[in-house]
């Protein structure tokens, strides 16, 4: 199924979170570049292709049959998959954990505030993930994870978790959205990549503000998933995207005494530009006091 960036109504918060995940998955032709292909082995490359297909299938199944995945959240399912790929060791196409290590992980998750408050359980999550191929085998002293439908995914997932400067990049974001450019170098999405999930109207709002920033000579920079603008090295505003808000684009303008935050429509642009002008005048005025 194709998730629609313009969608605004959802059956539940769970459906909305799955939708936000789905619209954020980077098209394979964008993330699996020639540079990635040149530096990754055959099993990793096939793992990337299968991983992309797997997450498309998983988000579709979650959206259509949400009751099979509740009460855990989509984020909690991603966390399990990421943790599985990070721990243990790669054995063929599977990930093998020491049984004690997995038992410790499972126990810690099940007693965590997030799991207790949601009524979630790790074993129930694993059973739900079995709908799209995840298989768990409990052996003598070990627990083995494999995917019967997408057998090569753990080659790519594990490489992602140990990719360049992983702790200094939004690897969790890249993992969720199949951003395979992270596999070979520390990667941060650009302006257009960060705004890929917003509606056409929100994109037009962002472009209008960005165009005005060039007129007034503001500098743009990106930190993780936030697009920030400075004037004479003083922060003026930032964009971020929020799947739990409508519109999903959030604009925060510094006022000198705090921030004016808004999820704008096109009709709000003049007021935002006026706030920007006031902030710039205040910065200029402060330099001459």
Foldseek 3Di string as FASTA:
>chain_A
DQQDLPDDDAPDPQLLQLSLLRLLADPPPVQCDPVNVVPDDPLQVLLLVLLSVLSNVVSVCCNVCVVLQPPAHPLVLLVVVLVQLADADDDPLKGKHFPVVVVVVQVCVCPDPNCVVSVHHPVSSQVSSVVSAWDWDDDDRMIMIAGPVRSSNSVNSNLLCVFPPNVQAPSSSCSSRSNNNSSHHRDADDPCSLCSSFDPQLVVLVVVVVVVCVVLVWDWDDGHSKIWTHDPNHTAKIWHACSVDVRRIKIWGDQPVGTDIDNDGPVCNVVSVVSSVNVVVVVVVVVVD
